[in-house]
Protein backbone atom coordinates (compact mmCIF):
# COMPACT_ATOMS: atom_id res chain seq x y z
CA MET A 1 0.00 0.00 0.00
CA LYS A 2 1.30 3.47 -0.95
CA THR A 3 -0.18 6.68 0.43
CA LEU A 4 0.20 9.98 -1.36
CA TYR A 5 -0.71 13.46 -0.14
CA ILE A 6 -0.83 16.17 -2.78
CA VAL A 7 -0.70 19.78 -1.54
CA ARG A 8 -1.33 22.78 -3.71
CA HIS A 9 0.94 25.63 -2.64
CA ALA A 10 -0.62 28.22 -0.35
CA LYS A 11 -1.95 31.58 -1.59
CA SER A 12 0.76 33.54 -3.36
CA SER A 13 1.23 37.25 -3.80
CA TRP A 14 0.91 39.18 -7.04
CA GLU A 15 1.88 42.51 -5.47
CA TYR A 16 5.51 42.52 -6.64
CA SER A 17 6.00 43.67 -10.21
CA GLY A 18 8.97 42.60 -12.24
CA ILE A 19 9.63 39.26 -10.56
CA GLU A 20 9.46 35.95 -12.36
CA ASP A 21 6.47 33.71 -11.67
CA ILE A 22 8.71 31.07 -10.10
CA ASP A 23 9.87 33.64 -7.52
CA ARG A 24 6.43 34.81 -6.34
CA PRO A 25 6.21 34.66 -2.52
CA LEU A 26 3.32 33.65 -0.29
CA LYS A 27 0.83 36.23 0.94
CA LYS A 28 0.28 36.56 4.70
CA ARG A 29 -2.96 34.60 4.21
CA GLY A 30 -0.98 31.86 2.48
CA ILE A 31 1.46 31.60 5.37
CA LYS A 32 -1.43 31.40 7.86
CA ASP A 33 -3.21 28.76 5.75
CA ALA A 34 -0.03 26.67 5.44
CA HIS A 35 0.35 26.68 9.23
CA LEU A 36 -3.36 25.94 9.70
CA MET A 37 -3.39 22.99 7.32
CA SER A 38 -0.04 21.51 8.37
CA LYS A 39 -0.94 21.69 12.07
CA PHE A 40 -4.29 20.03 11.37
CA LEU A 41 -2.71 17.36 9.17
CA SER A 42 0.11 16.62 11.62
CA LYS A 43 -2.53 15.64 14.20
CA GLU A 44 -4.54 13.53 11.73
CA ILE A 45 -1.90 11.45 9.96
CA SER A 46 1.49 9.88 10.53
CA ARG A 47 4.34 11.94 9.17
CA PRO A 48 4.89 11.03 5.51
CA ASP A 49 8.16 9.25 4.76
CA VAL A 50 9.29 11.81 2.19
CA PHE A 51 8.49 15.46 1.42
CA VAL A 52 8.97 16.65 -2.18
CA SER A 53 8.43 20.20 -3.43
CA SER A 54 8.43 22.20 -6.61
CA SER A 55 11.31 24.67 -6.70
CA ALA A 56 8.92 27.62 -7.03
CA ASN A 57 9.18 29.96 -4.04
CA ARG A 58 5.50 29.67 -3.11
CA ALA A 59 5.52 25.85 -3.15
CA LEU A 60 8.85 25.64 -1.36
CA HIS A 61 7.73 28.05 1.38
CA THR A 62 4.54 25.99 1.83
CA ALA A 63 6.66 22.81 2.08
CA VAL A 64 9.00 24.39 4.64
CA ILE A 65 6.04 25.31 6.87
CA PHE A 66 4.71 21.74 6.61
CA CYS A 67 8.19 20.39 7.43
CA GLU A 68 8.33 22.56 10.55
CA ASN A 69 4.93 21.46 11.80
CA PHE A 70 5.59 17.79 11.05
CA GLU A 71 9.10 18.04 12.53
CA TYR A 72 10.51 16.76 9.25
CA PRO A 73 14.18 17.69 8.74
CA LEU A 74 14.56 20.45 6.13
CA SER A 75 17.78 18.77 5.01
CA ASN A 76 15.67 15.82 3.80
CA LEU A 77 13.20 17.94 1.80
CA LYS A 78 13.56 17.00 -1.86
CA ILE A 79 13.25 19.87 -4.33
CA LYS A 80 12.29 19.08 -7.91
CA ARG A 81 12.41 21.84 -10.51
CA GLN A 82 10.32 19.71 -12.87
CA LEU A 83 7.36 20.00 -10.47
CA TYR A 84 7.20 23.67 -11.48
CA SER A 85 4.86 22.63 -14.25
CA PHE A 86 1.18 23.19 -14.77
CA SER A 87 0.45 19.81 -16.32
CA ASP A 88 0.27 16.51 -14.50
CA GLY A 89 3.05 14.88 -16.57
CA TYR A 90 5.94 15.78 -14.27
CA LEU A 91 3.84 15.12 -11.19
CA VAL A 92 3.17 11.58 -12.47
CA LYS A 93 6.89 11.13 -13.29
CA THR A 94 7.87 12.38 -9.82
CA VAL A 95 5.47 9.99 -8.08
CA ASN A 96 6.51 7.05 -10.30
CA ALA A 97 10.17 7.72 -9.47
CA LEU A 98 9.71 7.70 -5.68
CA ASP A 99 11.83 5.15 -3.85
CA ASP A 100 9.74 2.08 -3.00
CA GLY A 101 11.20 2.21 0.51
CA PHE A 102 8.85 5.15 1.09
CA ASN A 103 5.31 3.98 1.81
CA SER A 104 3.97 7.52 2.06
CA ALA A 105 4.86 10.80 0.41
CA ILE A 106 3.70 14.40 0.44
CA ILE A 107 4.21 16.48 -2.70
CA PHE A 108 3.85 20.27 -3.01
CA SER A 109 3.00 21.47 -6.50
CA HIS A 110 0.74 23.69 -8.62
CA ASP A 111 -2.76 24.17 -9.99
CA HIS A 112 -3.90 22.41 -13.17
CA GLY A 113 -1.33 19.62 -12.77
CA ILE A 114 -2.71 18.80 -9.34
CA ASN A 115 -6.33 19.00 -10.51
CA SER A 116 -5.60 16.67 -13.43
CA PHE A 117 -3.63 14.25 -11.25
CA VAL A 118 -6.17 13.88 -8.43
CA ASN A 119 -9.00 13.35 -10.91
CA LYS A 120 -7.04 10.86 -13.01
CA PHE A 121 -5.64 8.83 -10.09
CA GLY A 122 -8.19 9.43 -7.34
CA SER A 123 -11.64 7.92 -6.85
CA LYS A 124 -13.62 11.11 -6.19
CA PRO A 125 -14.09 13.93 -8.71
CA ILE A 126 -12.71 17.23 -7.45
CA SER A 127 -13.62 20.29 -9.48
CA HIS A 128 -10.87 22.51 -8.09
CA VAL A 129 -8.11 22.03 -5.52
CA SER A 130 -7.89 25.36 -3.68
CA THR A 131 -4.64 26.91 -2.52
CA CYS A 132 -3.18 24.91 0.37
CA GLY A 133 -5.70 22.15 -0.31
CA VAL A 134 -4.60 18.64 0.63
CA ILE A 135 -5.74 15.52 -1.21
CA GLY A 136 -4.91 12.04 0.08
CA ILE A 137 -4.94 9.01 -2.20
CA LYS A 138 -4.13 5.40 -1.29
CA PHE A 139 -2.83 2.98 -3.90
CA ASP A 140 -2.95 -0.79 -3.54
CA GLU A 141 0.54 -1.19 -5.01
CA LYS A 142 4.00 -2.18 -3.80
CA HIS A 143 5.79 0.01 -6.32
CA TRP A 144 5.21 3.71 -7.01
CA LYS A 145 5.90 3.14 -10.70
CA ASN A 146 2.83 0.88 -10.89
CA ILE A 147 0.22 3.24 -9.46
CA LYS A 148 -3.01 3.40 -11.35
CA LYS A 149 -6.42 4.35 -9.96
CA GLY A 150 -6.31 4.82 -6.20
CA LYS A 151 -8.83 5.58 -3.46
CA THR A 152 -9.26 9.21 -2.46
CA PHE A 153 -9.61 9.24 1.32
CA MET A 154 -8.87 12.86 2.17
CA ILE A 155 -10.04 16.16 0.72
CA GLU A 156 -9.18 19.07 3.01
CA PHE A 157 -9.28 22.78 2.22
CA PRO A 158 -8.36 25.71 4.50
CA LYS A 159 -11.88 27.18 4.34
CA ASN A 160 -13.16 24.10 6.21
CA HIS A 161 -10.81 24.76 9.14
CA LYS A 162 -11.38 28.47 9.79
């Protein structure tokens, strides 16, 4: 059995002109939501075996907050530039490439790719994963490379915890 948690980065800021999209920071609301969701999740689930984040500032900052609240060593956080993609292709490749020694993983990525992934691999249709939303999917597989349709067992959004 493999368990995957997909987290869409928290709310980012558009207030800075002239910076690249990959460098956009989190808004104050995003930081609060990341703490809210990671504190909630850390009480509900066992700490995932591996944390993997897109290299985009907003995803990485979200991942760092989750690491802090799960007491996961920042030195073990895996950063994947290819997750800075808005299609599910690199998300699928990242999941398929996870070490089979990890039975659970949490991945921080972006809109569109996440929406496509959770609808393709999960069992419940989700029209839109909001910022800092967390989706949990269990796969009845021994190897990450073999995942197909899984069972969606968690759909959590910040608005449900305020």
